[in-house]
Amino acid sequence: MAREILIVDDAPNIVLSLEFLMKKEGFAVRSVGDGDAALKAIADKKPDLVLLDVMMPKRNGYEVCEAIRANPQWQDIRVVMLTAKGRDVELEKGLALGADDYVTKPFSTRELVLKIRGMLGLSLAGVP
């Protein structure tokens, strides 16, 4: 059974490229465009990993990450925060709230795939 990734980003071009990349890697993919929709999507069907943008409408990525970590049933969901803000203070805040990793945009798609596969305990063989 394919591992599922939930993409949470309000930028359609980022969502499209991430969806394409993750599907190419064999993951099942869902995507939503804001923080409230993210929490609803997780409640509807728990993903294995969430790619979570920081700057979004309704509820930002930090708030979503905090809500994920506050729910005992969601403790095993891996969270990778994606942001255009690369300052150390943002990175520390994301990690302090429970993110498993933090990736600054623009990012290397190869490195992102390696991180995700590693977090999900999947083989890195075949990743160029």
Protein backbone atom coordinates (compact mmCIF):
# COMPACT_ATOMS: atom_id res chain seq x y z
CA MET A 1 0.00 0.00 0.00
CA ALA A 2 1.39 3.39 -1.01
CA ARG A 3 2.36 5.81 1.71
CA GLU A 4 0.23 8.94 1.69
CA ILE A 5 1.46 12.50 1.66
CA LEU A 6 -0.74 15.51 2.35
CA ILE A 7 0.51 18.67 0.65
CA VAL A 8 -0.62 21.87 2.38
CA ASP A 9 0.24 25.01 0.42
CA ASP A 10 -1.72 27.96 -0.94
CA ALA A 11 0.52 28.42 -4.02
CA PRO A 12 -0.95 26.36 -6.90
CA ASN A 13 2.38 26.14 -8.75
CA ILE A 14 4.10 24.65 -5.69
CA VAL A 15 1.24 22.19 -5.14
CA LEU A 16 1.33 21.04 -8.77
CA SER A 17 5.07 20.47 -8.78
CA LEU A 18 5.01 18.67 -5.41
CA GLU A 19 2.06 16.51 -6.47
CA PHE A 20 3.88 15.52 -9.67
CA LEU A 21 7.12 14.77 -7.82
CA MET A 22 5.48 12.74 -5.04
CA LYS A 23 3.28 10.73 -7.43
CA LYS A 24 6.35 10.00 -9.55
CA GLU A 25 7.96 8.57 -6.40
CA GLY A 26 4.97 6.27 -5.90
CA PHE A 27 3.23 8.10 -3.07
CA ALA A 28 -0.51 8.60 -2.79
CA VAL A 29 -1.09 12.36 -2.67
CA ARG A 30 -3.80 14.71 -1.45
CA SER A 31 -3.51 18.48 -1.31
CA VAL A 32 -5.28 21.39 0.36
CA GLY A 33 -4.75 25.14 0.27
CA ASP A 34 -5.09 26.36 3.85
CA GLY A 35 -4.54 25.37 7.46
CA ASP A 36 -8.16 24.70 8.35
CA ALA A 37 -8.56 22.40 5.34
CA ALA A 38 -5.35 20.63 6.37
CA LEU A 39 -6.69 19.72 9.81
CA LYS A 40 -9.98 18.55 8.29
CA ALA A 41 -8.11 16.42 5.71
CA ILE A 42 -5.98 14.84 8.46
CA ALA A 43 -9.08 14.10 10.54
CA ASP A 44 -10.80 12.54 7.52
CA LYS A 45 -7.86 10.28 6.64
CA LYS A 46 -4.55 10.37 8.48
CA PRO A 47 -1.58 10.72 6.09
CA ASP A 48 1.88 9.30 6.73
CA LEU A 49 3.55 12.67 6.13
CA VAL A 50 2.47 16.30 5.75
CA LEU A 51 4.38 18.78 3.57
CA LEU A 52 3.31 21.97 5.31
CA ASP A 53 3.76 25.53 4.07
CA VAL A 54 4.27 28.10 6.81
CA MET A 55 2.55 31.16 5.32
CA MET A 56 -1.08 30.27 4.55
CA PRO A 57 -4.55 31.74 4.97
CA LYS A 58 -6.90 30.89 7.86
CA ARG A 59 -4.32 29.03 9.96
CA ASN A 60 -0.57 29.16 9.37
CA GLY A 61 1.76 26.16 9.24
CA TYR A 62 3.02 26.69 12.78
CA GLU A 63 -0.55 26.51 14.12
CA VAL A 64 -1.28 23.40 12.05
CA CYS A 65 1.91 21.71 13.23
CA GLU A 66 1.05 22.54 16.83
CA ALA A 67 -2.47 21.08 16.38
CA ILE A 68 -1.05 17.90 14.84
CA ARG A 69 1.33 17.41 17.74
CA ALA A 70 -1.41 18.14 20.31
CA ASN A 71 -3.54 15.24 19.05
CA PRO A 72 -2.38 11.88 20.51
CA GLN A 73 -3.82 10.00 17.53
CA TRP A 74 -1.62 11.98 15.12
CA GLN A 75 1.72 11.58 16.89
CA ASP A 76 3.14 9.29 14.19
CA ILE A 77 2.46 11.74 11.34
CA ARG A 78 5.75 13.10 10.02
CA VAL A 79 5.74 16.87 9.37
CA VAL A 80 8.06 18.68 6.97
CA MET A 81 7.60 22.44 7.00
CA LEU A 82 8.19 24.32 3.75
CA THR A 83 8.87 28.03 3.77
CA ALA A 84 10.40 30.92 1.91
CA LYS A 85 11.60 32.20 5.29
CA GLY A 86 15.01 30.72 5.93
CA ARG A 87 16.04 32.55 9.07
CA ASP A 88 17.19 30.47 12.01
CA VAL A 89 14.41 31.81 14.24
CA GLU A 90 11.72 30.39 11.91
CA LEU A 91 13.52 27.06 11.69
CA GLU A 92 13.83 26.86 15.48
CA LYS A 93 10.16 27.76 15.93
CA GLY A 94 9.04 25.04 13.49
CA LEU A 95 11.19 22.39 15.13
CA ALA A 96 10.13 23.51 18.62
CA LEU A 97 6.48 23.06 17.64
CA GLY A 98 7.15 19.49 16.57
CA ALA A 99 8.11 19.58 12.90
CA ASP A 100 10.36 16.68 11.93
CA ASP A 101 12.23 18.79 9.38
CA TYR A 102 12.24 22.22 7.81
CA VAL A 103 12.92 22.93 4.12
CA THR A 104 13.53 26.39 2.70
CA LYS A 105 12.07 27.34 -0.70
CA PRO A 106 13.41 27.07 -3.32
CA PHE A 107 14.46 23.53 -2.50
CA SER A 108 16.20 20.69 -4.28
CA THR A 109 13.57 18.15 -5.31
CA ARG A 110 16.15 15.37 -4.99
CA GLU A 111 16.98 16.36 -1.42
CA LEU A 112 13.30 16.63 -0.53
CA VAL A 113 12.62 13.12 -1.89
CA LEU A 114 15.60 11.75 0.05
CA LYS A 115 14.36 13.38 3.27
CA ILE A 116 10.83 12.06 2.83
CA ARG A 117 11.92 8.52 1.94
CA GLY A 118 14.27 8.51 4.94
CA MET A 119 11.58 9.76 7.33
CA LEU A 120 9.16 7.11 6.15
CA GLY A 121 11.78 4.35 6.45
CA LEU A 122 11.77 3.68 2.72
CA SER A 123 14.67 2.56 0.59
CA LEU A 124 16.80 5.27 -0.97
CA ALA A 125 17.76 2.93 -3.83
CA GLY A 126 16.80 4.25 -7.20
CA VAL A 127 16.84 7.90 -6.14
CA PRO A 128 19.20 9.66 -8.55
